[in-house]
Amino acid sequence: MDIDTGLYNHKKIVDKSVEALKIELSESEAEVSRLRELYLSEAEKTSPKEISYPPELQLAIDAYQELCLNQDKLPTNKIIEEWLKVESKNRGITHKDGVDDLKGLSNVKAERMASIIKSK
């Protein structure tokens, strides 16, 4: 059945379209490479001290560095808990007790964090 649809496939137009797509693809790849290099160079400039963590995570990191890192004998969990409670109040960390905002970490959270910090 030969039905005349009025649509014709011109090889010259198809080749031109393929060539245009190849150019777009190569431009896109070049842009991706440029952005990747930019991201990596920015990442190298950022030192680990400049990364900001949530306050409680930063507190745990600092507690580990202050109390446990390079220590022959690790402190007891109670000592770590007390340090966490005092330091969390100094840093303005709060927790909810019902409807009230209380300063510092809750007892449960301080206990669990101390246990995790000491286990590393």
Protein backbone atom coordinates (compact mmCIF):
# COMPACT_ATOMS: atom_id res chain seq x y z
CA MET A 1 0.00 0.00 0.00
CA ASP A 2 1.52 3.22 -1.06
CA ILE A 3 -0.13 6.03 0.82
CA ASP A 4 1.14 9.49 0.17
CA THR A 5 1.44 11.16 3.59
CA GLY A 6 3.35 14.12 2.36
CA LEU A 7 6.21 13.30 4.76
CA TYR A 8 9.61 12.81 3.27
CA ASN A 9 12.87 11.78 4.86
CA HIS A 10 15.61 13.96 3.49
CA LYS A 11 18.98 12.39 4.28
CA LYS A 12 20.69 15.80 4.22
CA ILE A 13 18.36 17.13 6.96
CA VAL A 14 18.78 14.00 9.10
CA ASP A 15 22.59 14.18 8.82
CA LYS A 16 22.49 17.85 9.76
CA SER A 17 20.33 17.06 12.80
CA VAL A 18 22.69 14.30 13.93
CA GLU A 19 25.63 16.65 13.54
CA ALA A 20 23.84 19.32 15.61
CA LEU A 21 23.15 16.76 18.35
CA LYS A 22 26.83 15.73 18.38
CA ILE A 23 27.85 19.37 18.82
CA GLU A 24 25.34 19.85 21.66
CA LEU A 25 26.58 16.67 23.34
CA SER A 26 30.23 17.72 23.13
CA GLU A 27 29.34 21.17 24.51
CA SER A 28 27.41 19.54 27.35
CA GLU A 29 30.32 17.24 28.15
CA ALA A 30 32.69 20.20 28.18
CA GLU A 31 30.37 22.07 30.57
CA VAL A 32 30.15 19.03 32.87
CA SER A 33 33.95 18.78 32.92
CA ARG A 34 34.27 22.48 33.68
CA LEU A 35 31.77 22.25 36.54
CA ARG A 36 33.44 19.12 37.94
CA GLU A 37 36.83 20.85 37.96
CA LEU A 38 35.30 23.91 39.61
CA TYR A 39 33.63 21.76 42.29
CA LEU A 40 36.82 19.81 42.98
CA SER A 41 38.94 22.94 43.23
CA GLU A 42 36.43 24.48 45.67
CA ALA A 43 36.36 21.26 47.70
CA GLU A 44 40.16 21.34 47.99
CA LYS A 45 40.02 24.91 49.29
CA THR A 46 37.54 23.95 52.03
CA SER A 47 39.36 22.56 55.02
CA PRO A 48 37.61 20.11 57.35
CA LYS A 49 37.41 22.84 60.03
CA GLU A 50 35.19 24.92 57.74
CA ILE A 51 32.56 22.21 57.38
CA SER A 52 29.65 22.92 59.66
CA TYR A 53 27.88 20.03 61.34
CA PRO A 54 24.66 20.03 63.35
CA PRO A 55 25.41 21.23 66.90
CA GLU A 56 24.94 17.86 68.60
CA LEU A 57 27.15 16.07 66.09
CA GLN A 58 29.84 18.72 66.49
CA LEU A 59 29.54 18.32 70.26
CA ALA A 60 30.10 14.56 69.94
CA ILE A 61 33.11 15.09 67.65
CA ASP A 62 34.61 17.60 70.06
CA ALA A 63 33.99 15.31 73.04
CA TYR A 64 35.79 12.47 71.30
CA GLN A 65 38.73 14.69 70.36
CA GLU A 66 38.91 16.28 73.80
CA LEU A 67 38.42 13.23 76.00
CA CYS A 68 39.21 10.06 74.05
CA LEU A 69 41.55 10.71 71.14
CA ASN A 70 45.10 9.46 71.81
CA GLN A 71 44.27 8.51 75.41
CA ASP A 72 45.74 5.32 76.84
CA LYS A 73 42.94 5.01 79.37
CA LEU A 74 39.50 6.16 78.26
CA PRO A 75 37.38 8.19 80.68
CA THR A 76 34.29 6.65 82.20
CA ASN A 77 30.92 7.19 80.57
CA LYS A 78 29.92 9.41 83.51
CA ILE A 79 32.83 11.77 82.87
CA ILE A 80 31.92 11.98 79.18
CA GLU A 81 28.25 12.55 80.07
CA GLU A 82 29.11 15.39 82.44
CA TRP A 83 31.36 17.01 79.85
CA LEU A 84 28.57 16.73 77.26
CA LYS A 85 26.00 18.27 79.61
CA VAL A 86 28.19 21.21 80.60
CA GLU A 87 29.44 21.89 77.08
CA SER A 88 25.95 21.59 75.54
CA LYS A 89 24.72 24.30 77.91
CA ASN A 90 27.71 26.50 77.03
CA ARG A 91 26.95 26.07 73.32
CA GLY A 92 23.27 26.89 73.74
CA ILE A 93 21.95 23.45 72.80
CA THR A 94 18.43 22.84 74.10
CA HIS A 95 16.01 19.95 74.29
CA LYS A 96 12.26 19.66 74.80
CA ASP A 97 10.77 18.25 77.97
CA GLY A 98 7.10 18.16 77.22
CA VAL A 99 6.35 21.74 76.20
CA ASP A 100 9.35 23.34 77.91
CA ASP A 101 12.71 24.05 76.27
CA LEU A 102 15.51 23.11 78.65
CA LYS A 103 19.17 24.03 78.30
CA GLY A 104 21.68 21.31 77.48
CA LEU A 105 21.25 17.72 76.42
CA SER A 106 18.69 15.44 77.99
CA ASN A 107 20.03 12.80 80.38
CA VAL A 108 19.09 10.01 78.00
CA LYS A 109 20.76 11.64 75.02
CA ALA A 110 23.92 12.45 76.99
CA GLU A 111 24.09 8.86 78.24
CA ARG A 112 23.70 7.39 74.76
CA MET A 113 26.13 9.84 73.17
CA ALA A 114 28.73 9.04 75.83
CA SER A 115 28.36 5.35 75.14
CA ILE A 116 28.79 5.88 71.38
CA ILE A 117 31.75 8.23 71.82
CA LYS A 118 33.57 5.81 74.08
CA SER A 119 32.94 2.85 71.76
CA LYS A 120 34.85 4.48 68.89
